[in-house]
All heavy atoms as atom14 arrays in JSON, in Angstrom:
{
  "sequence": "FGAMDGLVTNIALIAGVGGGGVSPRSIVLTGVAGLVAG",
  "atom14_mask": [
    [1, 1, 1, 1, 1, 1, 1, 1, 1, 1, 1, 0, 0, 0],
    [1, 1, 1, 1, 0, 0, 0, 0, 0, 0, 0, 0, 0, 0],
    [1, 1, 1, 1, 1, 0, 0, 0, 0, 0, 0, 0, 0, 0],
    [1, 1, 1, 1, 1, 1, 1, 1, 0, 0, 0, 0, 0, 0],
    [1, 1, 1, 1, 1, 1, 1, 1, 0, 0, 0, 0, 0, 0],
    [1, 1, 1, 1, 0, 0, 0, 0, 0, 0, 0, 0, 0, 0],
    [1, 1, 1, 1, 1, 1, 1, 1, 0, 0, 0, 0, 0, 0],
    [1, 1, 1, 1, 1, 1, 1, 0, 0, 0, 0, 0, 0, 0],
    [1, 1, 1, 1, 1, 1, 1, 0, 0, 0, 0, 0, 0, 0],
    [1, 1, 1, 1, 1, 1, 1, 1, 0, 0, 0, 0, 0, 0],
    [1, 1, 1, 1, 1, 1, 1, 1, 0, 0, 0, 0, 0, 0],
    [1, 1, 1, 1, 1, 0, 0, 0, 0, 0, 0, 0, 0, 0],
    [1, 1, 1, 1, 1, 1, 1, 1, 0, 0, 0, 0, 0, 0],
    [1, 1, 1, 1, 1, 1, 1, 1, 0, 0, 0, 0, 0, 0],
    [1, 1, 1, 1, 1, 0, 0, 0, 0, 0, 0, 0, 0, 0],
    [1, 1, 1, 1, 0, 0, 0, 0, 0, 0, 0, 0, 0, 0],
    [1, 1, 1, 1, 1, 1, 1, 0, 0, 0, 0, 0, 0, 0],
    [1, 1, 1, 1, 0, 0, 0, 0, 0, 0, 0, 0, 0, 0],
    [1, 1, 1, 1, 0, 0, 0, 0, 0, 0, 0, 0, 0, 0],
    [1, 1, 1, 1, 0, 0, 0, 0, 0, 0, 0, 0, 0, 0],
    [1, 1, 1, 1, 0, 0, 0, 0, 0, 0, 0, 0, 0, 0],
    [1, 1, 1, 1, 1, 1, 1, 0, 0, 0, 0, 0, 0, 0],
    [1, 1, 1, 1, 1, 1, 0, 0, 0, 0, 0, 0, 0, 0],
    [1, 1, 1, 1, 1, 1, 1, 0, 0, 0, 0, 0, 0, 0],
    [1, 1, 1, 1, 1, 1, 1, 1, 1, 1, 1, 0, 0, 0],
    [1, 1, 1, 1, 1, 1, 0, 0, 0, 0, 0, 0, 0, 0],
    [1, 1, 1, 1, 1, 1, 1, 1, 0, 0, 0, 0, 0, 0],
    [1, 1, 1, 1, 1, 1, 1, 0, 0, 0, 0, 0, 0, 0],
    [1, 1, 1, 1, 1, 1, 1, 1, 0, 0, 0, 0, 0, 0],
    [1, 1, 1, 1, 1, 1, 1, 0, 0, 0, 0, 0, 0, 0],
    [1, 1, 1, 1, 0, 0, 0, 0, 0, 0, 0, 0, 0, 0],
    [1, 1, 1, 1, 1, 1, 1, 0, 0, 0, 0, 0, 0, 0],
    [1, 1, 1, 1, 1, 0, 0, 0, 0, 0, 0, 0, 0, 0],
    [1, 1, 1, 1, 0, 0, 0, 0, 0, 0, 0, 0, 0, 0],
    [1, 1, 1, 1, 1, 1, 1, 1, 0, 0, 0, 0, 0, 0],
    [1, 1, 1, 1, 1, 1, 1, 0, 0, 0, 0, 0, 0, 0],
    [1, 1, 1, 1, 1, 0, 0, 0, 0, 0, 0, 0, 0, 0],
    [1, 1, 1, 1, 0, 0, 0, 0, 0, 0, 0, 0, 0, 0]
  ],
  "atom14_positions": [
    [[0.83, -1.2, 0.0], [0.0, 0.0, 0.0], [0.86, 1.25, 0.0], [0.57, 2.23, -0.7], [-0.91, -0.02, 1.23], [-1.87, 1.14, 1.3], [-2.81, 1.34, 0.31], [-1.82, 2.04, 2.35], [-3.68, 2.41, 0.36], [-2.68, 3.1, 2.42], [-3.64, 3.29, 1.43], [0.0, 0.0, 0.0], [0.0, 0.0, 0.0], [0.0, 0.0, 0.0]],
    [[1.95, 1.24, 0.78], [2.82, 2.4, 0.84], [3.5, 2.69, -0.48], [3.55, 3.84, -0.93], [0.0, 0.0, 0.0], [0.0, 0.0, 0.0], [0.0, 0.0, 0.0], [0.0, 0.0, 0.0], [0.0, 0.0, 0.0], [0.0, 0.0, 0.0], [0.0, 0.0, 0.0], [0.0, 0.0, 0.0], [0.0, 0.0, 0.0], [0.0, 0.0, 0.0]],
    [[4.03, 1.64, -1.13], [4.71, 1.84, -2.41], [3.74, 2.36, -3.48], [4.06, 3.3, -4.23], [5.35, 0.54, -2.88], [0.0, 0.0, 0.0], [0.0, 0.0, 0.0], [0.0, 0.0, 0.0], [0.0, 0.0, 0.0], [0.0, 0.0, 0.0], [0.0, 0.0, 0.0], [0.0, 0.0, 0.0], [0.0, 0.0, 0.0], [0.0, 0.0, 0.0]],
    [[2.57, 1.75, -3.56], [1.58, 2.19, -4.54], [1.13, 3.62, -4.26], [1.01, 4.44, -5.18], [0.37, 1.25, -4.52], [0.64, -0.15, -4.99], [1.24, -0.18, -6.71], [1.4, -1.95, -6.93], [0.0, 0.0, 0.0], [0.0, 0.0, 0.0], [0.0, 0.0, 0.0], [0.0, 0.0, 0.0], [0.0, 0.0, 0.0], [0.0, 0.0, 0.0]],
    [[0.9, 3.92, -3.0], [0.44, 5.26, -2.64], [1.52, 6.29, -2.93], [1.22, 7.4, -3.4], [0.04, 5.29, -1.17], [-0.83, 6.49, -0.83], [-1.52, 6.99, -1.73], [-0.82, 6.93, 0.33], [0.0, 0.0, 0.0], [0.0, 0.0, 0.0], [0.0, 0.0, 0.0], [0.0, 0.0, 0.0], [0.0, 0.0, 0.0], [0.0, 0.0, 0.0]],
    [[2.77, 5.93, -2.63], [3.86, 6.86, -2.92], [3.98, 7.15, -4.41], [4.16, 8.3, -4.82], [0.0, 0.0, 0.0], [0.0, 0.0, 0.0], [0.0, 0.0, 0.0], [0.0, 0.0, 0.0], [0.0, 0.0, 0.0], [0.0, 0.0, 0.0], [0.0, 0.0, 0.0], [0.0, 0.0, 0.0], [0.0, 0.0, 0.0], [0.0, 0.0, 0.0]],
    [[3.88, 6.11, -5.22], [3.95, 6.28, -6.67], [2.8, 7.15, -7.18], [3.02, 8.15, -7.87], [3.91, 4.92, -7.36], [5.23, 4.16, -7.44], [4.97, 2.68, -7.7], [6.1, 4.74, -8.55], [0.0, 0.0, 0.0], [0.0, 0.0, 0.0], [0.0, 0.0, 0.0], [0.0, 0.0, 0.0], [0.0, 0.0, 0.0], [0.0, 0.0, 0.0]],
    [[1.58, 6.76, -6.83], [0.41, 7.48, -7.35], [0.38, 8.91, -6.84], [0.11, 9.85, -7.6], [-0.88, 6.74, -6.97], [-2.11, 7.56, -7.37], [-0.93, 5.38, -7.65], [0.0, 0.0, 0.0], [0.0, 0.0, 0.0], [0.0, 0.0, 0.0], [0.0, 0.0, 0.0], [0.0, 0.0, 0.0], [0.0, 0.0, 0.0], [0.0, 0.0, 0.0]],
    [[0.67, 9.09, -5.54], [0.62, 10.44, -4.96], [1.59, 11.38, -5.65], [1.22, 12.5, -6.06], [0.94, 10.38, -3.46], [-0.08, 9.63, -2.79], [1.0, 11.78, -2.85], [0.0, 0.0, 0.0], [0.0, 0.0, 0.0], [0.0, 0.0, 0.0], [0.0, 0.0, 0.0], [0.0, 0.0, 0.0], [0.0, 0.0, 0.0], [0.0, 0.0, 0.0]],
    [[2.86, 10.97, -5.8], [3.83, 11.89, -6.38], [3.69, 12.02, -7.89], [3.97, 13.08, -8.46], [5.25, 11.48, -6.0], [5.84, 12.47, -5.0], [5.12, 13.27, -4.42], [7.14, 12.42, -4.81], [0.0, 0.0, 0.0], [0.0, 0.0, 0.0], [0.0, 0.0, 0.0], [0.0, 0.0, 0.0], [0.0, 0.0, 0.0], [0.0, 0.0, 0.0]],
    [[3.26, 10.96, -8.57], [2.98, 11.1, -10.0], [1.87, 12.12, -10.21], [1.96, 13.0, -11.08], [2.6, 9.74, -10.61], [3.83, 8.83, -10.7], [1.98, 9.91, -12.0], [3.51, 7.41, -11.1], [0.0, 0.0, 0.0], [0.0, 0.0, 0.0], [0.0, 0.0, 0.0], [0.0, 0.0, 0.0], [0.0, 0.0, 0.0], [0.0, 0.0, 0.0]],
    [[0.81, 12.01, -9.4], [-0.3, 12.96, -9.52], [0.13, 14.38, -9.13], [-0.26, 15.36, -9.78], [-1.47, 12.5, -8.66], [0.0, 0.0, 0.0], [0.0, 0.0, 0.0], [0.0, 0.0, 0.0], [0.0, 0.0, 0.0], [0.0, 0.0, 0.0], [0.0, 0.0, 0.0], [0.0, 0.0, 0.0], [0.0, 0.0, 0.0], [0.0, 0.0, 0.0]],
    [[0.94, 14.51, -8.08], [1.42, 15.83, -7.67], [2.26, 16.48, -8.76], [2.07, 17.65, -9.11], [2.26, 15.7, -6.39], [1.56, 15.86, -5.05], [2.55, 15.6, -3.92], [0.95, 17.24, -4.92], [0.0, 0.0, 0.0], [0.0, 0.0, 0.0], [0.0, 0.0, 0.0], [0.0, 0.0, 0.0], [0.0, 0.0, 0.0], [0.0, 0.0, 0.0]],
    [[3.19, 15.7, -9.3], [4.07, 16.22, -10.35], [3.26, 16.58, -11.6], [3.5, 17.62, -12.23], [5.17, 15.19, -10.67], [6.14, 15.08, -9.51], [5.92, 15.57, -11.95], [7.14, 13.95, -9.64], [0.0, 0.0, 0.0], [0.0, 0.0, 0.0], [0.0, 0.0, 0.0], [0.0, 0.0, 0.0], [0.0, 0.0, 0.0], [0.0, 0.0, 0.0]],
    [[2.31, 15.74, -11.94], [1.47, 16.04, -13.1], [0.66, 17.3, -12.88], [0.5, 18.12, -13.79], [0.55, 14.86, -13.39], [0.0, 0.0, 0.0], [0.0, 0.0, 0.0], [0.0, 0.0, 0.0], [0.0, 0.0, 0.0], [0.0, 0.0, 0.0], [0.0, 0.0, 0.0], [0.0, 0.0, 0.0], [0.0, 0.0, 0.0], [0.0, 0.0, 0.0]],
    [[0.15, 17.47, -11.66], [-0.67, 18.64, -11.37], [0.1, 19.94, -11.44], [-0.32, 20.88, -12.12], [0.0, 0.0, 0.0], [0.0, 0.0, 0.0], [0.0, 0.0, 0.0], [0.0, 0.0, 0.0], [0.0, 0.0, 0.0], [0.0, 0.0, 0.0], [0.0, 0.0, 0.0], [0.0, 0.0, 0.0], [0.0, 0.0, 0.0], [0.0, 0.0, 0.0]],
    [[1.24, 20.01, -10.74], [2.0, 21.26, -10.76], [2.68, 21.46, -12.12], [2.84, 22.6, -12.59], [3.03, 21.29, -9.62], [2.34, 21.3, -8.27], [4.01, 20.13, -9.71], [0.0, 0.0, 0.0], [0.0, 0.0, 0.0], [0.0, 0.0, 0.0], [0.0, 0.0, 0.0], [0.0, 0.0, 0.0], [0.0, 0.0, 0.0], [0.0, 0.0, 0.0]],
    [[3.08, 20.33, -12.74], [3.67, 20.45, -14.08], [2.66, 20.95, -15.08], [2.98, 21.76, -15.96], [0.0, 0.0, 0.0], [0.0, 0.0, 0.0], [0.0, 0.0, 0.0], [0.0, 0.0, 0.0], [0.0, 0.0, 0.0], [0.0, 0.0, 0.0], [0.0, 0.0, 0.0], [0.0, 0.0, 0.0], [0.0, 0.0, 0.0], [0.0, 0.0, 0.0]],
    [[1.4, 20.49, -14.94], [0.36, 20.98, -15.84], [0.07, 22.46, -15.65], [-0.4, 23.13, -16.56], [0.0, 0.0, 0.0], [0.0, 0.0, 0.0], [0.0, 0.0, 0.0], [0.0, 0.0, 0.0], [0.0, 0.0, 0.0], [0.0, 0.0, 0.0], [0.0, 0.0, 0.0], [0.0, 0.0, 0.0], [0.0, 0.0, 0.0], [0.0, 0.0, 0.0]],
    [[0.37, 22.95, -14.46], [0.18, 24.38, -14.19], [1.29, 25.25, -14.74], [1.22, 26.48, -14.64], [0.0, 0.0, 0.0], [0.0, 0.0, 0.0], [0.0, 0.0, 0.0], [0.0, 0.0, 0.0], [0.0, 0.0, 0.0], [0.0, 0.0, 0.0], [0.0, 0.0, 0.0], [0.0, 0.0, 0.0], [0.0, 0.0, 0.0], [0.0, 0.0, 0.0]],
    [[2.34, 24.62, -15.29], [3.4, 25.37, -15.94], [4.49, 25.88, -15.02], [5.21, 26.83, -15.38], [0.0, 0.0, 0.0], [0.0, 0.0, 0.0], [0.0, 0.0, 0.0], [0.0, 0.0, 0.0], [0.0, 0.0, 0.0], [0.0, 0.0, 0.0], [0.0, 0.0, 0.0], [0.0, 0.0, 0.0], [0.0, 0.0, 0.0], [0.0, 0.0, 0.0]],
    [[4.67, 25.26, -13.85], [5.7, 25.75, -12.94], [7.08, 25.26, -13.41], [7.19, 24.39, -14.27], [5.44, 25.28, -11.49], [4.08, 25.75, -11.01], [5.56, 23.77, -11.39], [0.0, 0.0, 0.0], [0.0, 0.0, 0.0], [0.0, 0.0, 0.0], [0.0, 0.0, 0.0], [0.0, 0.0, 0.0], [0.0, 0.0, 0.0], [0.0, 0.0, 0.0]],
    [[8.13, 25.79, -12.81], [9.49, 25.44, -13.2], [9.87, 24.05, -12.7], [9.27, 23.54, -11.75], [10.47, 26.46, -12.62], [10.49, 26.36, -11.2], [0.0, 0.0, 0.0], [0.0, 0.0, 0.0], [0.0, 0.0, 0.0], [0.0, 0.0, 0.0], [0.0, 0.0, 0.0], [0.0, 0.0, 0.0], [0.0, 0.0, 0.0], [0.0, 0.0, 0.0]],
    [[10.86, 23.42, -13.34], [11.33, 22.12, -12.86], [11.75, 22.15, -11.39], [11.54, 21.18, -10.66], [12.52, 21.82, -13.78], [12.2, 22.53, -15.04], [11.52, 23.8, -14.62], [0.0, 0.0, 0.0], [0.0, 0.0, 0.0], [0.0, 0.0, 0.0], [0.0, 0.0, 0.0], [0.0, 0.0, 0.0], [0.0, 0.0, 0.0], [0.0, 0.0, 0.0]],
    [[12.35, 23.25, -10.96], [12.78, 23.35, -9.55], [11.56, 23.3, -8.62], [11.6, 22.65, -7.57], [13.55, 24.65, -9.33], [14.17, 24.77, -7.94], [15.06, 26.01, -7.84], [15.74, 26.07, -6.56], [15.2, 26.53, -5.44], [13.95, 26.99, -5.46], [15.88, 26.55, -4.31], [0.0, 0.0, 0.0], [0.0, 0.0, 0.0], [0.0, 0.0, 0.0]],
    [[10.48, 23.96, -9.02], [9.26, 23.93, -8.21], [8.64, 22.54, -8.2], [8.07, 22.1, -7.19], [8.25, 24.95, -8.74], [8.75, 26.26, -8.61], [0.0, 0.0, 0.0], [0.0, 0.0, 0.0], [0.0, 0.0, 0.0], [0.0, 0.0, 0.0], [0.0, 0.0, 0.0], [0.0, 0.0, 0.0], [0.0, 0.0, 0.0], [0.0, 0.0, 0.0]],
    [[8.76, 21.83, -9.33], [8.25, 20.46, -9.39], [9.01, 19.57, -8.42], [8.42, 18.76, -7.69], [8.34, 19.91, -10.82], [7.36, 20.66, -11.73], [8.06, 18.41, -10.84], [7.44, 20.24, -13.19], [0.0, 0.0, 0.0], [0.0, 0.0, 0.0], [0.0, 0.0, 0.0], [0.0, 0.0, 0.0], [0.0, 0.0, 0.0], [0.0, 0.0, 0.0]],
    [[10.35, 19.71, -8.4], [11.16, 18.92, -7.48], [10.8, 19.25, -6.03], [10.66, 18.35, -5.19], [12.65, 19.15, -7.74], [13.49, 18.48, -6.65], [13.05, 18.63, -9.11], [0.0, 0.0, 0.0], [0.0, 0.0, 0.0], [0.0, 0.0, 0.0], [0.0, 0.0, 0.0], [0.0, 0.0, 0.0], [0.0, 0.0, 0.0], [0.0, 0.0, 0.0]],
    [[10.66, 20.53, -5.73], [10.31, 20.95, -4.37], [8.97, 20.35, -3.95], [8.82, 19.83, -2.84], [10.26, 22.48, -4.29], [9.84, 23.07, -2.93], [10.81, 22.64, -1.85], [9.75, 24.59, -3.02], [0.0, 0.0, 0.0], [0.0, 0.0, 0.0], [0.0, 0.0, 0.0], [0.0, 0.0, 0.0], [0.0, 0.0, 0.0], [0.0, 0.0, 0.0]],
    [[8.01, 20.42, -4.87], [6.69, 19.86, -4.58], [6.78, 18.35, -4.36], [6.17, 17.8, -3.43], [5.72, 20.15, -5.73], [5.61, 21.56, -5.92], [4.35, 19.57, -5.46], [0.0, 0.0, 0.0], [0.0, 0.0, 0.0], [0.0, 0.0, 0.0], [0.0, 0.0, 0.0], [0.0, 0.0, 0.0], [0.0, 0.0, 0.0], [0.0, 0.0, 0.0]],
    [[7.54, 17.67, -5.22], [7.67, 16.23, -5.1], [8.35, 15.8, -3.81], [7.93, 14.84, -3.15], [0.0, 0.0, 0.0], [0.0, 0.0, 0.0], [0.0, 0.0, 0.0], [0.0, 0.0, 0.0], [0.0, 0.0, 0.0], [0.0, 0.0, 0.0], [0.0, 0.0, 0.0], [0.0, 0.0, 0.0], [0.0, 0.0, 0.0], [0.0, 0.0, 0.0]],
    [[9.41, 16.51, -3.42], [10.11, 16.18, -2.19], [9.22, 16.45, -0.98], [9.18, 15.65, -0.02], [11.43, 16.98, -2.08], [12.05, 16.8, -0.7], [12.4, 16.53, -3.17], [0.0, 0.0, 0.0], [0.0, 0.0, 0.0], [0.0, 0.0, 0.0], [0.0, 0.0, 0.0], [0.0, 0.0, 0.0], [0.0, 0.0, 0.0], [0.0, 0.0, 0.0]],
    [[8.5, 17.56, -1.01], [7.58, 17.86, 0.09], [6.5, 16.79, 0.18], [6.13, 16.35, 1.28], [6.95, 19.23, -0.12], [0.0, 0.0, 0.0], [0.0, 0.0, 0.0], [0.0, 0.0, 0.0], [0.0, 0.0, 0.0], [0.0, 0.0, 0.0], [0.0, 0.0, 0.0], [0.0, 0.0, 0.0], [0.0, 0.0, 0.0], [0.0, 0.0, 0.0]],
    [[5.99, 16.36, -0.97], [4.98, 15.31, -0.98], [5.54, 14.0, -0.44], [4.85, 13.26, 0.26], [0.0, 0.0, 0.0], [0.0, 0.0, 0.0], [0.0, 0.0, 0.0], [0.0, 0.0, 0.0], [0.0, 0.0, 0.0], [0.0, 0.0, 0.0], [0.0, 0.0, 0.0], [0.0, 0.0, 0.0], [0.0, 0.0, 0.0], [0.0, 0.0, 0.0]],
    [[6.78, 13.7, -0.78], [7.43, 12.47, -0.3], [7.55, 12.49, 1.22], [7.15, 11.52, 1.89], [8.81, 12.34, -0.94], [9.62, 11.06, -0.69], [10.66, 10.89, -1.78], [10.33, 11.08, 0.67], [0.0, 0.0, 0.0], [0.0, 0.0, 0.0], [0.0, 0.0, 0.0], [0.0, 0.0, 0.0], [0.0, 0.0, 0.0], [0.0, 0.0, 0.0]],
    [[8.09, 13.58, 1.75], [8.31, 13.64, 3.2], [6.99, 13.64, 3.96], [6.8, 12.86, 4.91], [9.13, 14.89, 3.56], [9.24, 15.04, 5.08], [10.51, 14.82, 2.93], [0.0, 0.0, 0.0], [0.0, 0.0, 0.0], [0.0, 0.0, 0.0], [0.0, 0.0, 0.0], [0.0, 0.0, 0.0], [0.0, 0.0, 0.0], [0.0, 0.0, 0.0]],
    [[6.07, 14.51, 3.54], [4.78, 14.59, 4.24], [4.0, 13.28, 4.12], [3.42, 12.8, 5.1], [3.96, 15.75, 3.67], [0.0, 0.0, 0.0], [0.0, 0.0, 0.0], [0.0, 0.0, 0.0], [0.0, 0.0, 0.0], [0.0, 0.0, 0.0], [0.0, 0.0, 0.0], [0.0, 0.0, 0.0], [0.0, 0.0, 0.0], [0.0, 0.0, 0.0]],
    [[4.0, 12.71, 2.93], [3.26, 11.47, 2.73], [3.83, 10.3, 3.5], [3.1, 9.5, 4.07], [0.0, 0.0, 0.0], [0.0, 0.0, 0.0], [0.0, 0.0, 0.0], [0.0, 0.0, 0.0], [0.0, 0.0, 0.0], [0.0, 0.0, 0.0], [0.0, 0.0, 0.0], [0.0, 0.0, 0.0], [0.0, 0.0, 0.0], [0.0, 0.0, 0.0]]
  ]
}
């Protein structure tokens, strides 16, 4: 459950902020924050 949730959560987070047109650095920041918090 943890592995699947980690994959889906960060894929969805990256897709969401990436779809909003943010910079790669912001995508990495968002992904790392999602990893730690999740």
